[in-house]
Amino acid sequence: MPGLIVLLIAISLGLILYFVRSSKERKKIAAYQLPLNATQLLNEHVPFYQKLDAEKKALFTERVRDFLARTRITGISGTQIDDLDRLLVAAGAIIPIFAFTDWRYNNLDEVLVYENSFNMDYHTHANAPDRNILGMVGNGALNRKMLLSKPAIRSGFMDAENGHNTVVHEFAHLIDKADGAVDGVPEYLLSKQYAAPWLKYMHNEIQQMRQFGSDINPYAATNQAEFFAVMSEYFFERPEQLEQNHPELYCLLQKMFTPQPASK
């Protein structure tokens, strides 16, 4: 009996501590404020935001605020991070999940920003071999972290015509990872009736790219996970071109990222 009492006391204290910490965290998130020029910076540098109406812009801004309140953005080895960098990372996080009002990245705590591209050993100096990585989702010791190159963050938004956005690409990987497997099949976005068509189209397109090439970034043919991430970039960066060149693929991605409410 005494042992049971001690156990119950320990459980009670643990629950009290949990709720106290949760309350403090909620207050911290609610109190977080964006810089005063946040909407101006988003409007100047984020084409996706520019196209929204006033109501959706307010919602987008609030979700950016919530993301930054929950996620650390850390410069590595003296890399200077300013308000624009933080806002662009957050914008790239929100763009692919904007249609999902309750979605939060529960598999991410921190984004590590490097001064330049880096290699698999995270070296950034000019003589480092294979220094060609612009971004990656961390694993192992870097689980729940994302790594990004600062120049890639900027160029993804400031050169909208190139069709590439490293931040959106890496957050697409994180969405893909949310179901436990980075396999190019984002189960949280993909309704069951579309899973088989998506897999079939993805396999066929990868084979087509490997044999004959395509207007799609050839990196998409690396594997299924990269195909999904590259096509996410294409969908949000050049939707009109994607719809014209690959209407079936565009339709499948639209069903993932902008699902329509079920008719009554």
Protein backbone atom coordinates (compact mmCIF):
# COMPACT_ATOMS: atom_id res chain seq x y z
CA MET A 1 0.00 0.00 0.00
CA PRO A 2 2.70 2.60 0.85
CA GLY A 3 4.33 1.87 -2.50
CA LEU A 4 1.04 2.50 -4.31
CA ILE A 5 0.60 5.81 -2.47
CA VAL A 6 4.11 6.91 -3.47
CA LEU A 7 3.38 5.93 -7.07
CA LEU A 8 0.12 7.90 -7.10
CA ILE A 9 1.86 10.95 -5.63
CA ALA A 10 4.61 10.72 -8.26
CA ILE A 11 2.02 10.46 -11.04
CA SER A 12 0.08 13.42 -9.65
CA LEU A 13 3.22 15.56 -9.41
CA GLY A 14 4.18 14.56 -12.94
CA LEU A 15 0.76 15.59 -14.27
CA ILE A 16 0.91 18.91 -12.42
CA LEU A 17 4.37 19.63 -13.84
CA TYR A 18 3.17 18.69 -17.35
CA PHE A 19 0.17 21.03 -17.19
CA VAL A 20 2.25 23.87 -15.76
CA ARG A 21 4.80 23.53 -18.58
CA SER A 22 2.04 23.25 -21.18
CA SER A 23 0.38 26.39 -19.83
CA LYS A 24 3.66 28.32 -19.98
CA GLU A 25 4.28 27.11 -23.53
CA ARG A 26 0.80 28.16 -24.66
CA LYS A 27 1.27 31.61 -23.13
CA LYS A 28 4.67 31.95 -24.80
CA ILE A 29 3.21 31.02 -28.21
CA ALA A 30 0.26 33.38 -27.78
CA ALA A 31 2.57 36.26 -26.79
CA TYR A 32 4.97 35.87 -29.73
CA GLN A 33 4.83 38.84 -32.10
CA LEU A 34 6.02 39.24 -35.66
CA PRO A 35 8.17 42.23 -36.64
CA LEU A 36 6.14 45.33 -37.46
CA ASN A 37 7.04 45.13 -41.16
CA ALA A 38 6.16 41.43 -41.50
CA THR A 39 3.19 41.91 -43.83
CA GLN A 40 5.23 44.30 -45.97
CA LEU A 41 8.08 41.79 -46.29
CA LEU A 42 5.69 38.95 -47.12
CA ASN A 43 3.97 41.08 -49.73
CA GLU A 44 7.29 42.07 -51.31
CA HIS A 45 8.94 38.66 -51.39
CA VAL A 46 6.35 35.86 -51.34
CA PRO A 47 4.37 35.51 -54.61
CA PHE A 48 1.96 33.01 -53.02
CA TYR A 49 1.05 35.59 -50.38
CA GLN A 50 0.68 38.36 -52.95
CA LYS A 51 -2.12 36.47 -54.72
CA LEU A 52 -4.26 36.02 -51.59
CA ASP A 53 -7.20 38.24 -50.72
CA ALA A 54 -7.11 40.34 -47.54
CA GLU A 55 -8.82 37.72 -45.37
CA LYS A 56 -6.51 34.91 -46.47
CA LYS A 57 -3.46 37.15 -46.11
CA ALA A 58 -4.41 37.73 -42.48
CA LEU A 59 -4.78 33.98 -41.96
CA PHE A 60 -1.45 33.27 -43.68
CA THR A 61 0.30 35.88 -41.52
CA GLU A 62 -1.18 34.37 -38.35
CA ARG A 63 0.00 30.91 -39.34
CA VAL A 64 3.48 32.28 -40.03
CA ARG A 65 3.42 33.82 -36.55
CA ASP A 66 2.31 30.54 -34.97
CA PHE A 67 5.03 28.60 -36.83
CA LEU A 68 7.78 30.98 -35.68
CA ALA A 69 6.46 30.93 -32.13
CA ARG A 70 6.88 27.16 -32.06
CA THR A 71 10.02 26.68 -34.19
CA ARG A 72 13.55 27.93 -33.55
CA ILE A 73 15.47 29.36 -36.52
CA THR A 74 19.19 29.12 -35.72
CA GLY A 75 22.16 30.42 -37.69
CA ILE A 76 25.08 27.96 -37.71
CA SER A 77 28.73 29.02 -37.31
CA GLY A 78 27.92 32.69 -37.07
CA THR A 79 25.39 32.80 -39.91
CA GLN A 80 23.35 35.96 -39.43
CA ILE A 81 19.59 35.47 -39.50
CA ASP A 82 17.33 38.47 -39.94
CA ASP A 83 13.55 38.99 -39.99
CA LEU A 84 13.30 38.30 -43.71
CA ASP A 85 15.07 34.94 -43.39
CA ARG A 86 12.71 33.86 -40.60
CA LEU A 87 9.64 34.99 -42.52
CA LEU A 88 10.72 33.21 -45.70
CA VAL A 89 11.35 29.94 -43.85
CA ALA A 90 7.94 30.22 -42.21
CA ALA A 91 6.27 31.12 -45.51
CA GLY A 92 7.81 28.05 -47.17
CA ALA A 93 6.44 25.96 -44.31
CA ILE A 94 2.91 27.32 -44.55
CA ILE A 95 2.49 27.39 -48.35
CA PRO A 96 2.07 23.60 -48.83
CA ILE A 97 -0.27 23.23 -45.82
CA PHE A 98 -2.25 26.45 -46.17
CA ALA A 99 -5.41 24.57 -47.16
CA PHE A 100 -5.17 22.52 -43.95
CA THR A 101 -6.08 24.96 -41.21
CA ASP A 102 -5.24 22.64 -38.29
CA TRP A 103 -1.90 21.33 -39.61
CA ARG A 104 1.22 21.97 -37.57
CA TYR A 105 4.66 20.44 -38.04
CA ASN A 106 4.73 18.24 -34.96
CA ASN A 107 7.87 16.55 -36.30
CA LEU A 108 10.00 19.72 -36.30
CA ASP A 109 11.59 21.74 -33.49
CA GLU A 110 14.35 23.75 -35.17
CA VAL A 111 15.60 24.96 -38.54
CA LEU A 112 19.39 25.25 -38.84
CA VAL A 113 20.56 27.81 -41.39
CA TYR A 114 24.03 27.57 -42.98
CA GLU A 115 25.87 30.45 -44.64
CA ASN A 116 26.35 28.49 -47.87
CA SER A 117 25.57 25.11 -49.40
CA PHE A 118 27.03 22.22 -47.41
CA ASN A 119 28.05 18.58 -47.76
CA MET A 120 27.01 15.45 -45.88
CA ASP A 121 29.52 16.34 -43.15
CA TYR A 122 27.89 19.81 -42.86
CA HIS A 123 31.02 21.58 -44.11
CA THR A 124 30.44 24.87 -45.93
CA HIS A 125 33.94 26.11 -46.79
CA ALA A 126 34.79 26.56 -50.47
CA ASN A 127 37.21 23.62 -50.63
CA ALA A 128 34.84 21.12 -48.99
CA PRO A 129 34.15 18.18 -51.35
CA ASP A 130 30.59 17.63 -52.61
CA ARG A 131 29.40 20.89 -51.10
CA ASN A 132 26.18 20.89 -53.09
CA ILE A 133 23.39 20.40 -50.54
CA LEU A 134 20.93 23.29 -50.27
CA GLY A 135 18.60 21.72 -47.73
CA MET A 136 17.73 18.49 -45.97
CA VAL A 137 15.47 17.03 -43.32
CA GLY A 138 17.56 15.78 -40.42
CA ASN A 139 17.69 12.20 -39.15
CA GLY A 140 19.39 10.45 -36.26
CA ALA A 141 21.06 13.03 -34.03
CA LEU A 142 19.43 15.73 -36.16
CA ASN A 143 15.93 14.28 -35.91
CA ARG A 144 13.22 16.97 -35.65
CA LYS A 145 15.55 19.47 -37.33
CA MET A 146 15.76 20.86 -40.85
CA LEU A 147 18.94 22.18 -42.48
CA LEU A 148 18.83 24.99 -45.04
CA SER A 149 21.32 27.11 -46.95
CA LYS A 150 20.69 30.82 -46.48
CA PRO A 151 21.26 31.69 -50.18
CA ALA A 152 18.77 28.97 -51.15
CA ILE A 153 16.16 30.42 -48.80
CA ARG A 154 16.47 33.82 -50.46
CA SER A 155 16.70 32.66 -54.09
CA GLY A 156 13.65 30.41 -53.78
CA PHE A 157 11.44 33.44 -53.25
CA MET A 158 13.31 36.20 -55.03
CA ASP A 159 13.60 34.33 -58.34
CA ALA A 160 10.09 32.98 -58.68
CA GLU A 161 10.53 32.37 -62.40
CA ASN A 162 13.10 29.61 -61.94
CA GLY A 163 10.50 27.20 -60.57
CA HIS A 164 12.68 26.13 -57.64
CA ASN A 165 12.06 26.71 -53.95
CA THR A 166 14.29 24.79 -51.56
CA VAL A 167 12.22 25.71 -48.51
CA VAL A 168 8.97 24.38 -50.02
CA HIS A 169 10.90 21.31 -51.22
CA GLU A 170 12.18 20.44 -47.75
CA PHE A 171 8.84 21.04 -46.06
CA ALA A 172 7.27 18.73 -48.64
CA HIS A 173 9.70 16.07 -47.40
CA LEU A 174 8.59 16.81 -43.84
CA ILE A 175 4.93 16.42 -44.84
CA ASP A 176 5.85 13.13 -46.53
CA LYS A 177 7.67 12.03 -43.37
CA ALA A 178 4.67 12.75 -41.12
CA ASP A 179 3.17 9.29 -41.76
CA GLY A 180 6.43 7.61 -40.75
CA ALA A 181 7.95 6.98 -44.18
CA VAL A 182 9.61 9.36 -46.64
CA ASP A 183 8.38 7.52 -49.71
CA GLY A 184 6.71 10.12 -51.93
CA VAL A 185 3.24 9.08 -50.76
CA PRO A 186 2.04 11.70 -48.24
CA GLU A 187 -0.76 9.74 -46.61
CA TYR A 188 -2.03 12.73 -44.62
CA LEU A 189 -2.68 14.63 -47.87
CA LEU A 190 -3.61 11.81 -50.20
CA SER A 191 -7.12 10.37 -49.98
CA LYS A 192 -7.20 6.60 -50.35
CA GLN A 193 -8.95 6.68 -53.72
CA TYR A 194 -6.09 8.74 -55.17
CA ALA A 195 -3.18 6.76 -53.69
CA ALA A 196 -3.11 4.13 -56.45
CA PRO A 197 -3.41 6.66 -59.32
CA TRP A 198 -0.65 8.77 -57.74
CA LEU A 199 1.71 5.80 -57.40
CA LYS A 200 1.00 4.69 -60.96
CA TYR A 201 1.52 8.16 -62.40
CA MET A 202 4.65 8.73 -60.32
CA HIS A 203 6.26 5.47 -61.47
CA ASN A 204 5.38 6.10 -65.10
CA GLU A 205 6.66 9.68 -65.03
CA ILE A 206 9.94 8.72 -63.36
CA GLN A 207 10.54 6.08 -66.04
CA GLN A 208 9.63 8.59 -68.75
CA MET A 209 12.05 11.14 -67.32
CA ARG A 210 14.89 8.64 -67.09
CA GLN A 211 14.43 7.48 -70.67
CA PHE A 212 13.38 10.59 -72.55
CA GLY A 213 13.81 13.62 -70.26
CA SER A 214 11.17 16.17 -69.34
CA ASP A 215 10.57 19.83 -68.54
CA ILE A 216 10.42 18.63 -64.90
CA ASN A 217 13.63 19.06 -62.90
CA PRO A 218 15.57 15.80 -63.51
CA TYR A 219 16.25 15.52 -59.78
CA ALA A 220 12.63 14.36 -59.49
CA ALA A 221 13.65 11.07 -61.13
CA THR A 222 16.02 10.24 -58.24
CA ASN A 223 13.32 8.39 -56.28
CA GLN A 224 9.69 8.69 -55.20
CA ALA A 225 10.43 11.02 -52.28
CA GLU A 226 12.29 13.48 -54.49
CA PHE A 227 9.60 13.26 -57.14
CA PHE A 228 6.96 14.39 -54.65
CA ALA A 229 9.16 17.19 -53.28
CA VAL A 230 10.15 18.50 -56.72
CA MET A 231 6.56 18.36 -57.96
CA SER A 232 5.46 20.29 -54.87
CA GLU A 233 7.85 23.07 -55.91
CA TYR A 234 6.51 22.97 -59.46
CA PHE A 235 2.88 23.05 -58.27
CA PHE A 236 3.34 26.15 -56.14
CA GLU A 237 5.94 27.95 -58.25
CA ARG A 238 4.56 27.43 -61.78
CA PRO A 239 1.01 26.10 -61.50
CA GLU A 240 -0.12 27.34 -64.93
CA GLN A 241 2.83 25.71 -66.69
CA LEU A 242 2.34 22.47 -64.76
CA GLU A 243 -1.36 22.36 -65.64
CA GLN A 244 -0.58 22.95 -69.31
CA ASN A 245 2.28 20.45 -69.60
CA HIS A 246 1.08 17.77 -67.17
CA PRO A 247 -2.69 18.15 -66.60
CA GLU A 248 -3.17 14.75 -64.92
CA LEU A 249 -0.27 15.35 -62.56
CA TYR A 250 -1.53 18.86 -61.81
CA CYS A 251 -4.97 17.45 -60.99
CA LEU A 252 -3.54 14.88 -58.56
CA LEU A 253 -1.40 17.49 -56.80
CA GLN A 254 -4.38 19.84 -56.61
CA LYS A 255 -6.37 17.10 -54.87
CA MET A 256 -3.52 16.79 -52.35
CA PHE A 257 -2.78 20.43 -51.61
CA THR A 258 -6.13 22.13 -52.22
CA PRO A 259 -8.80 19.51 -51.51
CA GLN A 260 -12.40 20.55 -52.03
CA PRO A 261 -14.98 20.04 -49.27
CA ALA A 262 -17.10 16.95 -49.72
CA SER A 263 -20.47 17.78 -51.28
CA LYS A 264 -23.51 17.19 -49.11
